[in-house]
Amino acid sequence: MDEIDSAIVRELQADARQTNRDLAAAVGIAPSTCLERVRLLRDRGVITGYHADISLTALGREVQALLNVQVRPLNREVIEGFKAYAAGLPEVLSVFVLAGGDDFLVHVAVPSVEGLHTFLMDRFSGRREIIGFRSSVIYAHHRNRVIAPSGITPSGSAPSGNAR
């Protein structure tokens, strides 16, 4: 990726609904060039999709939690099976497979603390492969909306200083 591709990706992350003409103007290239570069970024798998951010509160999912889960036995079948099970639950936002003390980190959004308890009892407690889980309620969540390529700062320039 060159500086123009990085600028296009940065602009699309900030506002994926902008017109091609506005995107081209923002990065300083012709609209036809911009359209072709966006197509190539999609073809190369840099841009994997577009989405809408939705308010969990507006959907009645006011409580978020991170669930640390341990499963046994540790084998591909159990890991893939639990990953698929958890990812298919409507309350689950993300599933992370981990190395270390815990095997999974599951991000959920539910209507209430009571809803979290019900989720844990109904969806996790009865699963044979789960040997333990811990929950942490999330008070606040911030996500970086713009992700720069490695070695590039969000402003589009290489980092300065003597970083090692």
N, C-alpha and C. Protein backbone atom coordinates (compact mmCIF):
# COMPACT_ATOMS: atom_id res chain seq x y z
N MET A 1 0.84 -1.19 0.00
CA MET A 1 0.00 0.00 0.00
C MET A 1 0.88 1.24 0.00
N ASP A 2 0.56 2.17 -0.86
CA ASP A 2 1.29 3.43 -0.88
C ASP A 2 0.51 4.47 -0.07
N GLU A 3 1.02 5.70 -0.07
CA GLU A 3 0.38 6.77 0.72
C GLU A 3 -1.05 7.07 0.25
N ILE A 4 -1.31 6.98 -1.04
CA ILE A 4 -2.66 7.25 -1.55
C ILE A 4 -3.63 6.15 -1.09
N ASP A 5 -3.20 4.89 -1.19
CA ASP A 5 -4.05 3.80 -0.70
C ASP A 5 -4.34 3.97 0.79
N SER A 6 -3.31 4.32 1.55
CA SER A 6 -3.49 4.53 3.00
C SER A 6 -4.47 5.66 3.26
N ALA A 7 -4.38 6.73 2.48
CA ALA A 7 -5.30 7.85 2.64
C ALA A 7 -6.74 7.45 2.30
N ILE A 8 -6.89 6.65 1.25
CA ILE A 8 -8.22 6.18 0.86
C ILE A 8 -8.82 5.33 1.98
N VAL A 9 -8.03 4.40 2.49
CA VAL A 9 -8.51 3.53 3.58
C VAL A 9 -8.88 4.37 4.80
N ARG A 10 -8.04 5.32 5.15
CA ARG A 10 -8.31 6.19 6.30
C ARG A 10 -9.61 6.96 6.10
N GLU A 11 -9.80 7.53 4.92
CA GLU A 11 -11.02 8.30 4.63
C GLU A 11 -12.27 7.42 4.66
N LEU A 12 -12.17 6.23 4.09
CA LEU A 12 -13.32 5.33 4.09
C LEU A 12 -13.68 4.85 5.49
N GLN A 13 -12.67 4.65 6.33
CA GLN A 13 -12.95 4.27 7.71
C GLN A 13 -13.67 5.39 8.46
N ALA A 14 -13.31 6.62 8.14
CA ALA A 14 -13.96 7.76 8.79
C ALA A 14 -15.38 7.96 8.28
N ASP A 15 -15.60 7.70 6.97
CA ASP A 15 -16.94 7.87 6.39
C ASP A 15 -17.05 7.04 5.11
N ALA A 16 -17.56 5.85 5.24
CA ALA A 16 -17.67 4.95 4.09
C ALA A 16 -18.82 5.32 3.17
N ARG A 17 -19.66 6.26 3.60
CA ARG A 17 -20.81 6.65 2.78
C ARG A 17 -20.52 7.85 1.86
N GLN A 18 -19.33 8.41 1.97
CA GLN A 18 -19.02 9.55 1.11
C GLN A 18 -18.98 9.12 -0.35
N THR A 19 -19.26 10.06 -1.22
CA THR A 19 -19.26 9.76 -2.65
C THR A 19 -17.83 9.56 -3.13
N ASN A 20 -17.69 8.87 -4.25
CA ASN A 20 -16.37 8.69 -4.85
C ASN A 20 -15.74 10.04 -5.17
N ARG A 21 -16.56 10.99 -5.64
CA ARG A 21 -16.04 12.32 -5.96
C ARG A 21 -15.47 13.00 -4.70
N ASP A 22 -16.19 12.90 -3.57
CA ASP A 22 -15.71 13.50 -2.32
C ASP A 22 -14.46 12.79 -1.82
N LEU A 23 -14.44 11.47 -1.94
CA LEU A 23 -13.27 10.69 -1.52
C LEU A 23 -12.05 11.08 -2.35
N ALA A 24 -12.24 11.18 -3.66
CA ALA A 24 -11.14 11.56 -4.55
C ALA A 24 -10.61 12.95 -4.19
N ALA A 25 -11.51 13.89 -3.91
CA ALA A 25 -11.09 15.24 -3.54
C ALA A 25 -10.33 15.22 -2.21
N ALA A 26 -10.77 14.41 -1.27
CA ALA A 26 -10.14 14.35 0.04
C ALA A 26 -8.70 13.82 -0.03
N VAL A 27 -8.45 12.91 -0.97
CA VAL A 27 -7.10 12.34 -1.07
C VAL A 27 -6.29 12.96 -2.21
N GLY A 28 -6.91 13.85 -2.97
CA GLY A 28 -6.18 14.60 -3.99
C GLY A 28 -5.90 13.84 -5.28
N ILE A 29 -6.87 13.01 -5.73
CA ILE A 29 -6.71 12.29 -6.99
C ILE A 29 -7.98 12.44 -7.82
N ALA A 30 -7.89 12.04 -9.08
CA ALA A 30 -9.06 12.10 -9.96
C ALA A 30 -10.08 11.04 -9.54
N PRO A 31 -11.38 11.33 -9.72
CA PRO A 31 -12.41 10.35 -9.36
C PRO A 31 -12.23 8.99 -10.04
N SER A 32 -11.82 8.98 -11.31
CA SER A 32 -11.63 7.70 -12.01
C SER A 32 -10.49 6.90 -11.36
N THR A 33 -9.42 7.59 -10.99
CA THR A 33 -8.30 6.94 -10.31
C THR A 33 -8.74 6.41 -8.96
N CYS A 34 -9.53 7.19 -8.26
CA CYS A 34 -10.02 6.80 -6.94
C CYS A 34 -10.88 5.54 -7.04
N LEU A 35 -11.79 5.53 -8.00
CA LEU A 35 -12.66 4.37 -8.18
C LEU A 35 -11.85 3.10 -8.44
N GLU A 36 -10.84 3.22 -9.29
CA GLU A 36 -9.99 2.07 -9.61
C GLU A 36 -9.18 1.63 -8.39
N ARG A 37 -8.68 2.57 -7.62
CA ARG A 37 -7.89 2.21 -6.44
C ARG A 37 -8.78 1.53 -5.38
N VAL A 38 -9.99 2.01 -5.19
CA VAL A 38 -10.91 1.37 -4.24
C VAL A 38 -11.22 -0.05 -4.70
N ARG A 39 -11.45 -0.23 -6.00
CA ARG A 39 -11.71 -1.56 -6.54
C ARG A 39 -10.52 -2.48 -6.28
N LEU A 40 -9.31 -2.00 -6.51
CA LEU A 40 -8.11 -2.81 -6.28
C LEU A 40 -7.93 -3.13 -4.80
N LEU A 41 -8.26 -2.17 -3.92
CA LEU A 41 -8.17 -2.42 -2.48
C LEU A 41 -9.15 -3.52 -2.06
N ARG A 42 -10.33 -3.53 -2.68
CA ARG A 42 -11.30 -4.61 -2.41
C ARG A 42 -10.77 -5.94 -2.95
N ASP A 43 -10.27 -5.93 -4.18
CA ASP A 43 -9.76 -7.15 -4.81
C ASP A 43 -8.60 -7.75 -4.02
N ARG A 44 -7.76 -6.91 -3.43
CA ARG A 44 -6.60 -7.37 -2.64
C ARG A 44 -6.99 -7.77 -1.23
N GLY A 45 -8.24 -7.55 -0.83
CA GLY A 45 -8.69 -7.93 0.50
C GLY A 45 -8.36 -6.92 1.58
N VAL A 46 -7.92 -5.72 1.20
CA VAL A 46 -7.67 -4.67 2.19
C VAL A 46 -9.00 -4.16 2.72
N ILE A 47 -9.91 -3.85 1.82
CA ILE A 47 -11.28 -3.47 2.19
C ILE A 47 -12.10 -4.75 2.13
N THR A 48 -12.63 -5.16 3.27
CA THR A 48 -13.37 -6.42 3.33
C THR A 48 -14.87 -6.23 3.40
N GLY A 49 -15.33 -4.99 3.52
CA GLY A 49 -16.77 -4.75 3.57
C GLY A 49 -17.07 -3.37 4.13
N TYR A 50 -18.33 -3.06 4.16
CA TYR A 50 -18.82 -1.80 4.69
C TYR A 50 -19.93 -2.15 5.67
N HIS A 51 -20.09 -1.35 6.71
CA HIS A 51 -21.12 -1.66 7.69
C HIS A 51 -21.68 -0.39 8.31
N ALA A 52 -22.77 -0.56 9.02
CA ALA A 52 -23.38 0.53 9.76
C ALA A 52 -23.14 0.29 11.24
N ASP A 53 -22.75 1.32 11.98
CA ASP A 53 -22.65 1.23 13.43
C ASP A 53 -24.04 1.38 14.01
N ILE A 54 -24.39 0.47 14.87
CA ILE A 54 -25.73 0.44 15.46
C ILE A 54 -25.60 0.65 16.97
N SER A 55 -26.49 1.43 17.54
CA SER A 55 -26.51 1.65 18.98
C SER A 55 -27.07 0.42 19.68
N LEU A 56 -26.27 -0.21 20.52
CA LEU A 56 -26.75 -1.37 21.28
C LEU A 56 -27.86 -0.95 22.24
N THR A 57 -27.75 0.23 22.81
CA THR A 57 -28.79 0.74 23.71
C THR A 57 -30.12 0.86 22.98
N ALA A 58 -30.09 1.37 21.75
CA ALA A 58 -31.32 1.51 20.97
C ALA A 58 -31.95 0.16 20.67
N LEU A 59 -31.14 -0.91 20.66
CA LEU A 59 -31.65 -2.26 20.42
C LEU A 59 -32.02 -2.97 21.72
N GLY A 60 -31.95 -2.25 22.84
CA GLY A 60 -32.32 -2.85 24.12
C GLY A 60 -31.25 -3.75 24.71
N ARG A 61 -30.00 -3.57 24.28
CA ARG A 61 -28.88 -4.36 24.81
C ARG A 61 -27.96 -3.41 25.57
N GLU A 62 -28.38 -3.03 26.73
CA GLU A 62 -27.69 -1.98 27.48
C GLU A 62 -26.50 -2.45 28.29
N VAL A 63 -26.37 -3.76 28.52
CA VAL A 63 -25.26 -4.29 29.30
C VAL A 63 -24.36 -5.11 28.38
N GLN A 64 -23.07 -4.74 28.38
CA GLN A 64 -22.07 -5.51 27.66
C GLN A 64 -21.15 -6.18 28.67
N ALA A 65 -20.63 -7.33 28.32
CA ALA A 65 -19.70 -8.04 29.20
C ALA A 65 -18.68 -8.80 28.37
N LEU A 66 -17.53 -9.04 28.97
CA LEU A 66 -16.51 -9.90 28.40
C LEU A 66 -16.50 -11.17 29.23
N LEU A 67 -16.58 -12.31 28.56
CA LEU A 67 -16.62 -13.60 29.22
C LEU A 67 -15.34 -14.36 28.92
N ASN A 68 -14.57 -14.66 29.94
CA ASN A 68 -13.38 -15.48 29.80
C ASN A 68 -13.81 -16.93 29.99
N VAL A 69 -13.54 -17.77 28.99
CA VAL A 69 -14.05 -19.14 28.99
C VAL A 69 -12.90 -20.13 28.84
N GLN A 70 -12.97 -21.19 29.63
CA GLN A 70 -12.03 -22.29 29.51
C GLN A 70 -12.79 -23.54 29.07
N VAL A 71 -12.25 -24.25 28.08
CA VAL A 71 -12.87 -25.48 27.59
C VAL A 71 -11.88 -26.64 27.69
N ARG A 72 -12.41 -27.84 27.74
CA ARG A 72 -11.61 -29.06 27.74
C ARG A 72 -12.40 -30.15 27.05
N PRO A 73 -11.78 -31.11 26.44
CA PRO A 73 -10.35 -31.18 26.20
C PRO A 73 -9.94 -30.17 25.13
N LEU A 74 -8.69 -29.78 25.20
CA LEU A 74 -8.19 -28.82 24.21
C LEU A 74 -7.80 -29.58 22.95
N ASN A 75 -8.73 -29.60 22.02
CA ASN A 75 -8.43 -30.18 20.72
C ASN A 75 -9.21 -29.38 19.68
N ARG A 76 -8.86 -29.58 18.44
CA ARG A 76 -9.44 -28.80 17.34
C ARG A 76 -10.96 -28.92 17.31
N GLU A 77 -11.49 -30.11 17.51
CA GLU A 77 -12.93 -30.32 17.45
C GLU A 77 -13.66 -29.51 18.52
N VAL A 78 -13.16 -29.54 19.73
CA VAL A 78 -13.81 -28.80 20.83
C VAL A 78 -13.68 -27.30 20.60
N ILE A 79 -12.51 -26.85 20.22
CA ILE A 79 -12.29 -25.41 20.01
C ILE A 79 -13.16 -24.90 18.87
N GLU A 80 -13.15 -25.59 17.74
CA GLU A 80 -13.97 -25.16 16.59
C GLU A 80 -15.46 -25.25 16.91
N GLY A 81 -15.85 -26.29 17.64
CA GLY A 81 -17.25 -26.46 17.99
C GLY A 81 -17.75 -25.36 18.91
N PHE A 82 -16.97 -25.03 19.94
CA PHE A 82 -17.40 -23.97 20.85
C PHE A 82 -17.39 -22.62 20.14
N LYS A 83 -16.37 -22.38 19.32
CA LYS A 83 -16.30 -21.12 18.58
C LYS A 83 -17.54 -20.94 17.71
N ALA A 84 -17.94 -21.96 17.00
CA ALA A 84 -19.13 -21.89 16.15
C ALA A 84 -20.39 -21.72 16.99
N TYR A 85 -20.48 -22.44 18.10
CA TYR A 85 -21.65 -22.32 18.98
C TYR A 85 -21.78 -20.89 19.49
N ALA A 86 -20.70 -20.36 20.07
CA ALA A 86 -20.75 -19.01 20.65
C ALA A 86 -21.04 -17.96 19.59
N ALA A 87 -20.39 -18.06 18.44
CA ALA A 87 -20.59 -17.07 17.37
C ALA A 87 -22.03 -17.08 16.86
N GLY A 88 -22.73 -18.19 17.00
CA GLY A 88 -24.10 -18.29 16.53
C GLY A 88 -25.15 -17.77 17.49
N LEU A 89 -24.74 -17.40 18.70
CA LEU A 89 -25.70 -16.90 19.68
C LEU A 89 -26.01 -15.44 19.41
N PRO A 90 -27.27 -15.04 19.44
CA PRO A 90 -27.63 -13.66 19.11
C PRO A 90 -27.06 -12.62 20.07
N GLU A 91 -26.77 -13.01 21.29
CA GLU A 91 -26.21 -12.06 22.27
C GLU A 91 -24.73 -11.78 22.05
N VAL A 92 -24.06 -12.62 21.28
CA VAL A 92 -22.61 -12.55 21.11
C VAL A 92 -22.24 -11.56 20.01
N LEU A 93 -21.34 -10.63 20.36
CA LEU A 93 -20.83 -9.65 19.40
C LEU A 93 -19.52 -10.12 18.76
N SER A 94 -18.65 -10.75 19.56
CA SER A 94 -17.34 -11.19 19.07
C SER A 94 -16.89 -12.41 19.85
N VAL A 95 -16.12 -13.25 19.18
CA VAL A 95 -15.50 -14.41 19.82
C VAL A 95 -14.02 -14.38 19.48
N PHE A 96 -13.18 -14.43 20.50
CA PHE A 96 -11.73 -14.46 20.32
C PHE A 96 -11.21 -15.78 20.85
N VAL A 97 -10.39 -16.47 20.08
CA VAL A 97 -9.71 -17.68 20.52
C VAL A 97 -8.35 -17.24 21.05
N LEU A 98 -8.02 -17.66 22.27
CA LEU A 98 -6.85 -17.15 22.96
C LEU A 98 -5.79 -18.22 23.24
N ALA A 99 -4.58 -17.75 23.50
CA ALA A 99 -3.53 -18.57 24.09
C ALA A 99 -3.38 -18.08 25.52
N GLY A 100 -3.00 -18.96 26.41
CA GLY A 100 -2.82 -18.56 27.80
C GLY A 100 -3.80 -19.28 28.70
N GLY A 101 -4.12 -18.67 29.83
CA GLY A 101 -4.97 -19.29 30.84
C GLY A 101 -6.40 -19.51 30.40
N ASP A 102 -6.93 -18.62 29.60
CA ASP A 102 -8.28 -18.77 29.09
C ASP A 102 -8.22 -19.15 27.62
N ASP A 103 -9.25 -19.87 27.18
CA ASP A 103 -9.27 -20.35 25.80
C ASP A 103 -10.05 -19.43 24.87
N PHE A 104 -11.05 -18.71 25.43
CA PHE A 104 -11.89 -17.82 24.65
C PHE A 104 -12.17 -16.55 25.42
N LEU A 105 -12.36 -15.48 24.69
CA LEU A 105 -12.91 -14.24 25.22
C LEU A 105 -14.14 -13.96 24.36
N VAL A 106 -15.30 -13.88 25.02
CA VAL A 106 -16.56 -13.71 24.31
C VAL A 106 -17.16 -12.37 24.73
N HIS A 107 -17.44 -11.52 23.76
CA HIS A 107 -18.04 -10.19 24.00
C HIS A 107 -19.53 -10.32 23.75
N VAL A 108 -20.33 -10.03 24.78
CA VAL A 108 -21.78 -10.15 24.67
C VAL A 108 -22.46 -8.82 24.98
N ALA A 109 -23.67 -8.66 24.47
CA ALA A 109 -24.52 -7.51 24.80
C ALA A 109 -25.91 -8.06 25.10
N VAL A 110 -26.41 -7.72 26.28
CA VAL A 110 -27.70 -8.23 26.77
C VAL A 110 -28.51 -7.08 27.35
N PRO A 111 -29.80 -7.30 27.60
CA PRO A 111 -30.64 -6.20 28.08
C PRO A 111 -30.32 -5.70 29.48
N SER A 112 -29.83 -6.58 30.37
CA SER A 112 -29.66 -6.20 31.77
C SER A 112 -28.66 -7.13 32.45
N VAL A 113 -28.32 -6.83 33.69
CA VAL A 113 -27.46 -7.72 34.46
C VAL A 113 -28.18 -9.05 34.67
N GLU A 114 -29.49 -8.99 34.90
CA GLU A 114 -30.26 -10.22 35.02
C GLU A 114 -30.22 -11.02 33.71
N GLY A 115 -30.26 -10.30 32.59
CA GLY A 115 -30.15 -10.95 31.28
C GLY A 115 -28.79 -11.61 31.10
N LEU A 116 -27.74 -11.01 31.64
CA LEU A 116 -26.41 -11.61 31.58
C LEU A 116 -26.39 -12.90 32.39
N HIS A 117 -26.97 -12.85 33.59
CA HIS A 117 -27.04 -14.05 34.42
C HIS A 117 -27.80 -15.16 33.71
N THR A 118 -28.94 -14.83 33.13
CA THR A 118 -29.74 -15.81 32.39
C THR A 118 -28.94 -16.38 31.23
N PHE A 119 -28.26 -15.52 30.49
CA PHE A 119 -27.43 -15.97 29.37
C PHE A 119 -26.40 -16.99 29.85
N LEU A 120 -25.69 -16.66 30.92
CA LEU A 120 -24.64 -17.55 31.43
C LEU A 120 -25.23 -18.88 31.89
N MET A 121 -26.34 -18.83 32.58
CA MET A 121 -26.94 -20.06 33.08
C MET A 121 -27.52 -20.91 31.94
N ASP A 122 -28.20 -20.28 31.01
CA ASP A 122 -28.86 -21.03 29.94
C ASP A 122 -27.92 -21.44 28.81
N ARG A 123 -26.94 -20.61 28.49
CA ARG A 123 -26.11 -20.86 27.30
C ARG A 123 -24.75 -21.47 27.61
N PHE A 124 -24.22 -21.24 28.84
CA PHE A 124 -22.87 -21.71 29.13
C PHE A 124 -22.83 -22.80 30.20
N SER A 125 -23.62 -22.67 31.25
CA SER A 125 -23.51 -23.59 32.39
C SER A 125 -23.72 -25.05 32.02
N GLY A 126 -24.58 -25.34 31.10
CA GLY A 126 -24.87 -26.72 30.73
C GLY A 126 -23.95 -27.33 29.69
N ARG A 127 -23.02 -26.55 29.16
CA ARG A 127 -22.13 -27.06 28.10
C ARG A 127 -21.03 -27.92 28.72
N ARG A 128 -20.92 -29.16 28.26
CA ARG A 128 -19.95 -30.10 28.82
C ARG A 128 -18.50 -29.67 28.63
N GLU A 129 -18.21 -29.02 27.51
CA GLU A 129 -16.82 -28.67 27.24
C GLU A 129 -16.34 -27.48 28.07
N ILE A 130 -17.26 -26.69 28.63
CA ILE A 130 -16.87 -25.53 29.44
C ILE A 130 -16.54 -25.98 30.85
N ILE A 131 -15.28 -25.76 31.26
CA ILE A 131 -14.90 -26.13 32.63
C ILE A 131 -14.88 -24.91 33.54
N GLY A 132 -14.95 -23.72 32.98
CA GLY A 132 -14.99 -22.53 33.80
C GLY A 132 -15.20 -21.29 32.95
N PHE A 133 -15.81 -20.29 33.57
CA PHE A 133 -15.95 -18.99 32.91
C PHE A 133 -16.04 -17.90 33.96
N ARG A 134 -15.60 -16.71 33.57
CA ARG A 134 -15.68 -15.51 34.40
C ARG A 134 -16.28 -14.41 33.55
N SER A 135 -17.05 -13.55 34.17
CA SER A 135 -17.63 -12.44 33.42
C SER A 135 -17.17 -11.12 34.00
N SER A 136 -16.95 -10.15 33.13
CA SER A 136 -16.61 -8.79 33.52
C SER A 136 -17.57 -7.85 32.79
N VAL A 137 -18.35 -7.10 33.56
CA VAL A 137 -19.28 -6.14 32.95
C VAL A 137 -18.47 -4.96 32.43
N ILE A 138 -18.81 -4.50 31.26
CA ILE A 138 -18.13 -3.36 30.63
C ILE A 138 -18.87 -2.08 31.00
N TYR A 139 -18.18 -1.15 31.64
CA TYR A 139 -18.79 0.14 31.98
C TYR A 139 -18.79 1.09 30.80
N ALA A 140 -17.68 1.09 30.05
CA ALA A 140 -17.57 1.98 28.89
C ALA A 140 -16.73 1.26 27.84
N HIS A 141 -17.00 1.58 26.58
CA HIS A 141 -16.30 0.92 25.47
C HIS A 141 -15.93 1.99 24.45
N HIS A 142 -14.67 2.01 24.06
CA HIS A 142 -14.21 2.90 22.98
C HIS A 142 -13.51 2.03 21.96
N ARG A 143 -13.81 2.27 20.71
CA ARG A 143 -13.18 1.53 19.63
C ARG A 143 -12.57 2.54 18.68
N ASN A 144 -11.32 2.31 18.28
CA ASN A 144 -10.71 3.17 17.28
C ASN A 144 -11.39 2.92 15.95
N ARG A 145 -11.90 3.95 15.35
CA ARG A 145 -12.62 3.83 14.08
C ARG A 145 -11.68 3.81 12.88
N VAL A 146 -10.51 4.41 13.03
CA VAL A 146 -9.55 4.47 11.93
C VAL A 146 -8.31 3.67 12.34
N ILE A 147 -8.00 2.65 11.56
CA ILE A 147 -6.85 1.79 11.82
C ILE A 147 -5.84 2.01 10.71
N ALA A 148 -4.67 2.51 11.09
CA ALA A 148 -3.62 2.80 10.12
C ALA A 148 -2.80 1.54 9.85
N PRO A 149 -2.26 1.41 8.64
CA PRO A 149 -1.35 0.30 8.38
C PRO A 149 -0.15 0.37 9.32
N SER A 150 0.47 -0.73 9.59
CA SER A 150 1.65 -0.78 10.46
C SER A 150 2.72 0.17 9.92
N GLY A 151 3.26 0.98 10.82
CA GLY A 151 4.31 1.91 10.41
C GLY A 151 3.80 3.25 9.93
N ILE A 152 2.47 3.44 9.88
CA ILE A 152 1.88 4.70 9.43
C ILE A 152 1.02 5.24 10.56
N THR A 153 1.17 6.53 10.88
CA THR A 153 0.35 7.14 11.92
C THR A 153 -1.03 7.45 11.34
N PRO A 154 -2.05 7.66 12.18
CA PRO A 154 -3.39 7.97 11.68
C PRO A 154 -3.44 9.20 10.76
N SER A 155 -2.47 10.11 10.88
CA SER A 155 -2.46 11.28 10.02
C SER A 155 -1.93 10.97 8.63
N GLY A 156 -1.37 9.75 8.48
CA GLY A 156 -0.88 9.34 7.15
C GLY A 156 0.62 9.42 6.99
N SER A 157 1.35 9.88 8.01
CA SER A 157 2.79 10.00 7.89
C SER A 157 3.47 8.90 8.70
N ALA A 158 4.71 8.64 8.38
CA ALA A 158 5.48 7.67 9.14
C ALA A 158 5.76 8.23 10.53
N PRO A 159 5.81 7.36 11.57
CA PRO A 159 6.08 7.87 12.91
C PRO A 159 7.44 8.50 12.99
N SER A 160 7.57 9.52 13.85
CA SER A 160 8.86 10.18 14.01
C SER A 160 9.52 9.69 15.29
N GLY A 161 10.77 10.02 15.46
CA GLY A 161 11.48 9.63 16.68
C GLY A 161 12.30 8.38 16.44
N ASN A 162 12.89 7.92 17.52
CA ASN A 162 13.77 6.76 17.46
C ASN A 162 13.07 5.55 18.06
N ALA A 163 11.92 5.22 17.59
CA ALA A 163 11.18 4.08 18.10
C ALA A 163 11.89 2.78 17.74
N ARG A 164 11.94 1.88 18.69
CA ARG A 164 12.57 0.58 18.43
C ARG A 164 11.62 -0.52 18.74
